[in-house]
Protein backbone atom coordinates (compact mmCIF):
# COMPACT_ATOMS: atom_id res chain seq x y z
CA MET A 1 -68.79 5.92 51.76
CA SER A 2 -71.83 4.35 53.43
CA ASN A 3 -72.81 5.44 56.94
CA LEU A 4 -74.66 2.18 57.51
CA PRO A 5 -73.58 -0.09 60.42
CA PHE A 6 -73.05 -2.79 57.76
CA PRO A 7 -71.88 -2.90 54.12
CA GLU A 8 -74.28 -1.82 51.39
CA LEU A 9 -76.81 -4.51 50.61
CA SER A 10 -77.45 -6.27 47.32
CA PRO A 11 -80.88 -6.17 45.64
CA VAL A 12 -81.53 -9.76 46.76
CA GLU A 13 -80.61 -8.98 50.38
CA ILE A 14 -82.84 -5.89 50.33
CA ARG A 15 -85.74 -7.92 48.93
CA ILE A 16 -85.33 -10.58 51.65
CA LEU A 17 -85.30 -8.02 54.47
CA GLY A 18 -88.28 -6.21 52.96
CA VAL A 19 -90.31 -9.42 52.72
CA LEU A 20 -89.45 -10.47 56.28
CA ALA A 21 -90.44 -7.04 57.63
CA GLU A 22 -93.66 -7.07 55.59
CA LYS A 23 -94.75 -10.58 56.56
CA GLN A 24 -93.98 -9.92 60.24
CA ARG A 25 -96.85 -7.41 60.18
CA THR A 26 -99.22 -8.93 57.63
CA VAL A 27 -99.02 -12.67 58.51
CA PRO A 28 -97.71 -12.81 62.09
CA ASP A 29 -99.05 -16.36 62.58
CA THR A 30 -96.56 -17.76 60.06
CA TYR A 31 -93.63 -15.54 61.06
CA PRO A 32 -90.65 -16.22 61.21
CA LEU A 33 -90.71 -17.51 57.65
CA SER A 34 -89.53 -20.79 56.19
CA LEU A 35 -87.21 -20.72 53.18
CA ASN A 36 -90.05 -21.67 50.80
CA THR A 37 -92.40 -19.02 52.17
CA LEU A 38 -89.65 -16.43 52.00
CA MET A 39 -88.88 -17.32 48.39
CA SER A 40 -92.57 -17.00 47.47
CA GLY A 41 -92.65 -13.54 49.07
CA CYS A 42 -89.53 -12.46 47.22
CA ASN A 43 -90.91 -13.64 43.86
CA GLN A 44 -94.40 -12.23 44.45
CA LYS A 45 -95.88 -10.64 41.32
CA THR A 46 -97.87 -7.94 43.11
CA SER A 47 -96.66 -5.14 45.38
CA ARG A 48 -93.08 -5.63 44.15
CA ASP A 49 -90.84 -3.46 42.01
CA PRO A 50 -88.81 -4.82 40.39
CA ILE A 51 -90.35 -8.26 39.86
CA MET A 52 -87.77 -10.92 40.73
CA GLU A 53 -87.35 -14.62 39.92
CA LEU A 54 -85.00 -15.81 42.66
CA SER A 55 -84.01 -19.44 43.16
CA GLU A 56 -83.72 -21.23 46.48
CA SER A 57 -79.93 -21.03 46.20
CA ASP A 58 -80.12 -17.25 45.58
CA ILE A 59 -82.13 -16.85 48.78
CA ALA A 60 -79.94 -19.21 50.82
CA GLU A 61 -76.72 -17.45 49.76
CA ALA A 62 -78.09 -14.02 50.65
CA LEU A 63 -79.41 -15.33 53.99
CA ASP A 64 -75.91 -16.52 54.91
CA THR A 65 -74.55 -13.00 54.40
CA LEU A 66 -77.43 -11.39 56.28
CA ARG A 67 -76.96 -13.76 59.22
CA GLN A 68 -73.27 -12.86 59.40
CA ARG A 69 -74.27 -9.20 59.63
CA THR A 70 -76.90 -10.03 62.30
CA LEU A 71 -79.60 -8.60 60.03
CA VAL A 72 -81.36 -11.96 59.94
CA ILE A 73 -81.84 -14.43 62.78
CA GLU A 74 -82.33 -18.14 62.08
CA SER A 75 -84.39 -20.33 64.39
CA SER A 76 -84.62 -24.10 64.13
CA GLY A 77 -87.87 -24.85 65.93
CA GLY A 78 -89.31 -28.06 64.49
CA ARG A 79 -87.80 -29.62 61.38
CA VAL A 80 -87.80 -26.49 59.23
CA ALA A 81 -85.43 -23.55 59.68
CA ARG A 82 -87.19 -20.20 59.96
CA TYR A 83 -85.91 -16.68 59.45
CA ALA A 84 -86.66 -13.32 61.07
CA HIS A 85 -85.22 -9.88 60.36
CA ASN A 86 -83.29 -7.74 62.84
CA LEU A 87 -83.33 -4.55 60.77
CA ASP A 88 -85.17 -2.25 63.17
CA ARG A 89 -82.86 -3.13 66.07
CA THR A 90 -79.72 -2.85 63.96
CA LEU A 91 -80.74 0.55 62.59
CA GLN A 92 -82.46 1.61 65.83
CA ILE A 93 -85.60 2.92 64.13
CA PRO A 94 -89.22 2.88 65.38
CA PRO A 95 -92.01 0.78 63.81
CA GLN A 96 -93.31 3.73 61.77
CA SER A 97 -89.90 4.26 60.15
CA LEU A 98 -89.56 0.53 59.53
CA ALA A 99 -92.92 0.59 57.71
CA VAL A 100 -91.65 3.42 55.49
CA MET A 101 -88.37 1.61 54.81
CA THR A 102 -90.14 -1.67 54.08
CA THR A 103 -92.42 -0.03 51.53
CA LEU A 104 -89.48 1.59 49.77
CA MET A 105 -87.48 -1.65 49.82
CA LEU A 106 -90.30 -3.65 48.22
CA ARG A 107 -91.73 -1.11 45.76
CA GLY A 108 -88.86 1.22 44.88
CA PRO A 109 -88.92 5.05 44.94
CA GLN A 110 -92.28 6.60 45.84
CA THR A 111 -93.87 9.87 46.87
CA ALA A 112 -94.99 10.42 50.45
CA GLY A 113 -98.58 9.92 49.35
CA GLU A 114 -97.77 6.61 47.67
CA ILE A 115 -95.85 5.45 50.73
CA ARG A 116 -98.83 6.24 52.96
CA LEU A 117 -101.15 4.24 50.71
CA ASN A 118 -98.80 1.30 50.13
CA SER A 119 -97.77 0.93 53.79
CA GLU A 120 -101.32 0.82 55.16
CA ARG A 121 -101.08 -2.87 56.13
CA LEU A 122 -97.80 -2.19 57.95
CA HIS A 123 -98.75 1.03 59.73
CA ARG A 124 -101.66 3.43 59.26
CA PHE A 125 -100.32 6.95 59.02
CA SER A 126 -102.88 9.61 59.88
CA ASP A 127 -101.91 11.83 56.94
CA ILE A 128 -99.21 12.54 54.39
CA SER A 129 -97.47 15.05 56.65
CA SER A 130 -96.94 12.25 59.18
CA VAL A 131 -95.18 10.19 56.51
CA GLU A 132 -93.10 13.21 55.54
CA GLY A 133 -92.10 13.66 59.18
CA PHE A 134 -90.69 10.14 59.40
CA LEU A 135 -89.03 10.48 55.98
CA ASN A 136 -87.27 13.64 57.15
CA GLU A 137 -86.15 11.89 60.34
CA LEU A 138 -84.73 9.02 58.31
CA ALA A 139 -82.96 11.47 55.99
CA GLU A 140 -81.46 13.53 58.81
CA ARG A 141 -80.31 10.79 61.20
CA SER A 142 -77.09 11.63 63.04
CA ALA A 143 -76.00 8.02 62.50
CA GLY A 144 -76.38 8.44 58.74
CA ALA A 145 -79.24 8.96 56.29
CA LEU A 146 -81.38 5.94 55.40
CA VAL A 147 -83.52 7.64 52.74
CA LYS A 148 -83.03 10.38 50.18
CA GLU A 149 -85.40 12.73 48.37
CA LEU A 150 -84.95 12.40 44.62
CA PRO A 151 -85.06 15.21 42.04
CA ARG A 152 -88.57 15.88 40.80
CA GLN A 153 -89.38 14.20 37.50
CA PRO A 154 -90.74 16.24 34.57
CA GLY A 155 -94.52 16.42 34.79
CA SER A 156 -94.61 15.27 38.42
CA ARG A 157 -96.07 17.35 41.23
CA GLU A 158 -94.33 15.56 44.09
CA ASN A 159 -90.82 14.36 44.75
CA ARG A 160 -90.14 10.68 45.24
CA TRP A 161 -88.07 9.16 48.02
CA ALA A 162 -85.69 6.20 47.90
CA HIS A 163 -83.92 4.14 50.58
CA LEU A 164 -80.11 4.06 50.79
CA LEU A 165 -79.52 0.49 51.97
CA GLY A 166 -78.03 -0.39 48.60
CA GLY A 167 -76.11 2.85 48.17
CA GLU A 168 -77.02 5.92 46.17
CA PRO A 169 -80.20 5.38 44.14
CA VAL A 170 -79.90 5.47 40.37
CA VAL A 171 -82.03 8.24 38.87
CA GLU A 172 -83.46 7.44 35.44
CA ALA A 173 -81.68 9.31 32.67
CA SER A 174 -84.87 9.92 30.70
CA ALA A 175 -87.71 10.37 33.13
CA THR A 176 -90.01 11.78 30.44
CA ASN A 177 -89.74 8.65 28.32
CA GLN A 178 -90.16 6.42 31.34
CA ASP A 179 -93.29 8.29 32.36
CA ALA A 180 -94.71 7.80 28.85
CA VAL A 181 -93.76 4.12 28.42
CA PRO A 182 -93.78 1.83 31.47
CA SER A 183 -90.70 -0.34 31.99
CA GLY A 184 -90.89 -4.11 31.53
CA SER A 185 -91.04 -4.77 35.26
CA GLU A 186 -93.64 -2.03 35.72
CA MET A 187 -95.79 -3.48 32.93
CA THR A 188 -95.52 -6.95 34.45
CA ARG A 189 -96.55 -5.57 37.85
CA LEU A 190 -99.52 -3.71 36.34
CA LYS A 191 -100.71 -6.81 34.50
CA ALA A 192 -100.44 -8.88 37.67
CA GLU A 193 -102.41 -6.30 39.64
CA VAL A 194 -105.12 -6.18 36.95
CA ALA A 195 -105.37 -9.98 37.05
CA GLU A 196 -105.64 -9.88 40.84
CA LEU A 197 -108.41 -7.26 40.65
CA ARG A 198 -110.30 -9.37 38.10
CA ASP A 199 -110.10 -12.39 40.41
CA THR A 200 -111.41 -10.26 43.28
CA VAL A 201 -114.31 -8.97 41.20
CA SER A 202 -115.18 -12.51 40.07
CA SER A 203 -115.14 -13.70 43.68
CA LEU A 204 -117.39 -10.84 44.78
CA GLN A 205 -119.79 -11.51 41.92
CA ALA A 206 -120.01 -15.18 42.92
CA GLN A 207 -120.71 -14.20 46.53
CA LEU A 208 -123.40 -11.77 45.40
CA GLU A 209 -125.10 -14.45 43.29
CA HIS A 210 -125.05 -16.81 46.26
CA ILE A 211 -126.65 -14.17 48.52
CA LYS A 212 -129.31 -13.47 45.90
CA ARG A 213 -130.16 -17.17 45.66
CA GLU A 214 -130.35 -17.43 49.45
CA LEU A 215 -132.76 -14.48 49.55
CA GLY A 216 -134.77 -15.76 46.60
CA ILE A 217 -134.08 -12.66 44.54
């Protein structure tokens, strides 16, 4: 039985809360989010695992449930409804723990080192031991664990951690095979990240050429 102050969340509800928590820190000027902006964040091809293709109705239905559980707050300033999360207050966790939870909610199970790297835009942890400290606090909460350390995979040097907002995490039956052959969603994510890196390199090259022309080089 879940120790959460609300029923276990669906993958769509977890994705929505993760996006709201992420965008609150990374794009505060546009937060709370409109439905369209929220949907774009949920269906983002980078920094997401698994990749999702959610419709507006999928988002709206999940938002209704989250509002009923006071996990999402709707505001109607202007003509467009906007949405903000209430996860940290509901769970009574500090910003550092929320950054850890957000990273796990958006990217799936990760090691402490991966969490530190992937959560840098949300909170800059001084070192891996700091991340591990907050992970242990989340795992040992008197109100109920919010994360769990997973069994070490064959060939791995570090254990991964997973959040418990959707219940007990499912551990892959054949970790060795999964390590050797990326899953479909993982391959899609990797391709999207490669494309994003290529675009960044192209942009930097164009800027460099412009600077060289300005300097007459």
